[in-house]
Amino acid sequence: MRKLVMGMEERDSLAAALKELSYFSNASIEDLGRVVAATHLYAIEKGRKTVFKKGHIGDALYIIHKGAVEIIRPHFPSPRRPIARLGPGDAFGEMALLNHPYRVASAITDGYTELFVLLSPDFAEIFRANPEPLKILRRHTVRRGRVAT
């Protein structure tokens, strides 16, 4: 992964994507601004590259800016089972924001991909005084049947 500099266009794109996520939809403008400021943008070169594997420690939320990511659940001895194919604006890895220690699936890019990355400690710091996004996120992951990564 190569870190990129976020310009105004990328910041605006991130803010728009955050507003579409249920757990950030009611966040204040100030909180969203803090999330944008704490988020980093990374590029992953073309090809199928692993973002994280099942069993890795969950430490970040990812939002796709460009490209595509496939979420898979490896099952042995059978081949990988795709759970979802995600594109721009889609988020994954949100279980890390709930302090779940290990990933329950793997995430693999499909070609050149740019990801916004919000680290779990930054999320916790931003919403320490306002836990509402955390409550919504918990309900969201329960509704998804805990398939979140």
Protein backbone atom coordinates (compact mmCIF):
# COMPACT_ATOMS: atom_id res chain seq x y z
CA MET A 1 0.00 0.00 0.00
CA ARG A 2 1.20 3.46 -0.88
CA LYS A 3 -0.04 6.49 1.05
CA LEU A 4 -1.54 9.28 -1.07
CA VAL A 5 -2.12 12.94 -0.29
CA MET A 6 -5.81 13.79 0.03
CA GLY A 7 -6.90 16.89 -1.83
CA MET A 8 -10.23 18.68 -1.57
CA GLU A 9 -11.87 16.34 -4.11
CA GLU A 10 -10.91 13.26 -2.06
CA ARG A 11 -12.03 14.89 1.21
CA ASP A 12 -15.40 15.78 -0.34
CA SER A 13 -15.76 12.22 -1.67
CA LEU A 14 -14.96 10.80 1.78
CA ALA A 15 -17.44 13.14 3.51
CA ALA A 16 -20.18 12.10 1.04
CA ALA A 17 -19.40 8.40 1.59
CA LEU A 18 -19.46 8.83 5.38
CA LYS A 19 -22.90 10.47 5.27
CA GLU A 20 -24.23 7.41 3.41
CA LEU A 21 -23.10 5.04 6.19
CA SER A 22 -25.85 4.53 8.75
CA TYR A 23 -23.48 4.82 11.69
CA PHE A 24 -22.27 8.27 10.56
CA SER A 25 -25.56 9.59 9.14
CA ASN A 26 -26.47 11.52 12.30
CA ALA A 27 -22.93 12.58 13.22
CA SER A 28 -22.42 16.32 13.61
CA ILE A 29 -20.55 18.30 10.97
CA GLU A 30 -17.75 18.74 13.51
CA ASP A 31 -17.49 14.98 14.13
CA LEU A 32 -17.53 14.24 10.39
CA GLY A 33 -14.79 16.82 9.94
CA ARG A 34 -12.74 15.05 12.61
CA VAL A 35 -13.27 11.70 10.88
CA VAL A 36 -12.17 13.16 7.53
CA ALA A 37 -9.08 14.70 9.17
CA ALA A 38 -8.17 11.39 10.86
CA THR A 39 -8.65 9.28 7.71
CA HIS A 40 -5.81 8.41 5.33
CA LEU A 41 -5.91 7.53 1.65
CA TYR A 42 -3.92 4.58 0.31
CA ALA A 43 -3.42 3.19 -3.19
CA ILE A 44 -3.04 -0.51 -3.90
CA GLU A 45 -1.49 -1.33 -7.25
CA LYS A 46 -3.26 -3.41 -9.88
CA GLY A 47 -3.74 -7.10 -9.40
CA ARG A 48 -5.37 -9.10 -6.64
CA LYS A 49 -3.80 -7.83 -3.42
CA THR A 50 -4.78 -8.76 0.12
CA VAL A 51 -5.99 -5.89 2.31
CA PHE A 52 -6.37 -8.25 5.28
CA LYS A 53 -6.91 -11.94 5.91
CA LYS A 54 -9.38 -13.79 8.08
CA GLY A 55 -7.81 -14.02 11.53
CA HIS A 56 -5.82 -10.77 11.25
CA ILE A 57 -6.26 -8.26 14.02
CA GLY A 58 -8.97 -5.75 13.12
CA ASP A 59 -7.55 -2.27 13.39
CA ALA A 60 -9.32 -0.13 10.77
CA LEU A 61 -12.44 0.72 8.81
CA TYR A 62 -12.00 0.93 5.03
CA ILE A 63 -14.06 2.89 2.52
CA ILE A 64 -13.45 2.33 -1.18
CA HIS A 65 -12.64 5.50 -3.10
CA LYS A 66 -11.74 3.85 -6.43
CA GLY A 67 -11.66 0.25 -7.56
CA ALA A 68 -13.21 -2.89 -6.12
CA VAL A 69 -12.74 -5.23 -3.17
CA GLU A 70 -13.99 -8.76 -2.78
CA ILE A 71 -14.84 -10.02 0.69
CA ILE A 72 -14.24 -13.74 0.97
CA ARG A 73 -14.54 -16.34 3.65
CA PRO A 74 -11.99 -19.10 3.20
CA HIS A 75 -13.35 -22.52 4.05
CA PHE A 76 -11.05 -25.49 4.06
CA PRO A 77 -10.86 -27.85 2.26
CA SER A 78 -13.23 -26.16 -0.20
CA PRO A 79 -12.17 -23.03 -2.13
CA ARG A 80 -12.83 -19.48 -1.02
CA ARG A 81 -16.45 -18.40 -0.79
CA PRO A 82 -17.18 -14.83 -1.94
CA ILE A 83 -19.43 -12.96 0.48
CA ALA A 84 -19.59 -9.62 -1.33
CA ARG A 85 -18.07 -7.54 -4.09
CA LEU A 86 -17.76 -3.89 -3.07
CA GLY A 87 -17.16 -0.71 -5.06
CA PRO A 88 -16.67 3.03 -4.57
CA GLY A 89 -18.42 4.35 -1.47
CA ASP A 90 -18.76 0.93 0.14
CA ALA A 91 -17.27 0.35 3.59
CA PHE A 92 -15.83 -2.79 5.13
CA GLY A 93 -13.90 -3.75 8.25
CA GLU A 94 -16.28 -1.93 10.59
CA MET A 95 -16.12 -4.67 13.21
CA ALA A 96 -12.66 -3.29 14.09
CA LEU A 97 -14.40 -0.15 15.35
CA LEU A 98 -16.24 -2.32 17.89
CA ASN A 99 -12.98 -3.70 19.27
CA HIS A 100 -13.48 -7.15 17.79
CA PRO A 101 -9.96 -8.51 17.82
CA TYR A 102 -9.91 -10.70 14.72
CA ARG A 103 -11.19 -10.41 11.15
CA VAL A 104 -13.94 -12.88 10.28
CA ALA A 105 -13.28 -12.74 6.52
CA SER A 106 -10.59 -11.70 4.06
CA ALA A 107 -10.58 -8.62 1.79
CA ILE A 108 -8.85 -8.73 -1.59
CA THR A 109 -8.60 -5.94 -4.15
CA ASP A 110 -9.51 -6.52 -7.77
CA GLY A 111 -7.24 -4.19 -9.75
CA TYR A 112 -5.97 -0.74 -8.86
CA THR A 113 -7.81 0.39 -5.72
CA GLU A 114 -7.79 3.47 -3.50
CA LEU A 115 -8.98 3.06 0.08
CA PHE A 116 -9.82 5.56 2.77
CA VAL A 117 -8.56 4.10 6.07
CA LEU A 118 -9.80 5.11 9.53
CA LEU A 119 -7.89 3.46 12.36
CA SER A 120 -9.89 2.12 15.28
CA PRO A 121 -8.11 4.24 17.95
CA ASP A 122 -8.86 7.41 15.96
CA PHE A 123 -12.54 6.46 15.71
CA ALA A 124 -12.69 5.79 19.46
CA GLU A 125 -11.06 9.12 20.26
CA ILE A 126 -13.40 11.08 17.99
CA PHE A 127 -16.57 9.54 19.40
CA ARG A 128 -15.56 9.19 23.05
CA ALA A 129 -17.79 12.13 24.01
CA ASN A 130 -20.55 11.20 21.52
CA PRO A 131 -21.09 7.41 21.50
CA GLU A 132 -24.17 7.51 19.21
CA PRO A 133 -22.28 6.34 16.05
CA LEU A 134 -20.96 3.40 18.06
CA LYS A 135 -24.49 2.41 19.15
CA ILE A 136 -25.74 2.62 15.55
CA LEU A 137 -22.74 0.60 14.35
CA ARG A 138 -23.52 -2.15 16.87
CA ARG A 139 -27.12 -2.36 15.62
CA HIS A 140 -25.86 -2.34 12.01
CA THR A 141 -23.54 -5.30 12.53
CA VAL A 142 -26.23 -7.29 14.34
CA ARG A 143 -28.65 -6.67 11.44
CA ARG A 144 -26.00 -7.82 8.94
CA GLY A 145 -25.84 -11.09 10.82
CA ARG A 146 -22.32 -10.38 12.02
CA VAL A 147 -20.97 -10.93 8.50
CA ALA A 148 -19.01 -7.70 8.90
CA THR A 149 -15.27 -7.98 8.58
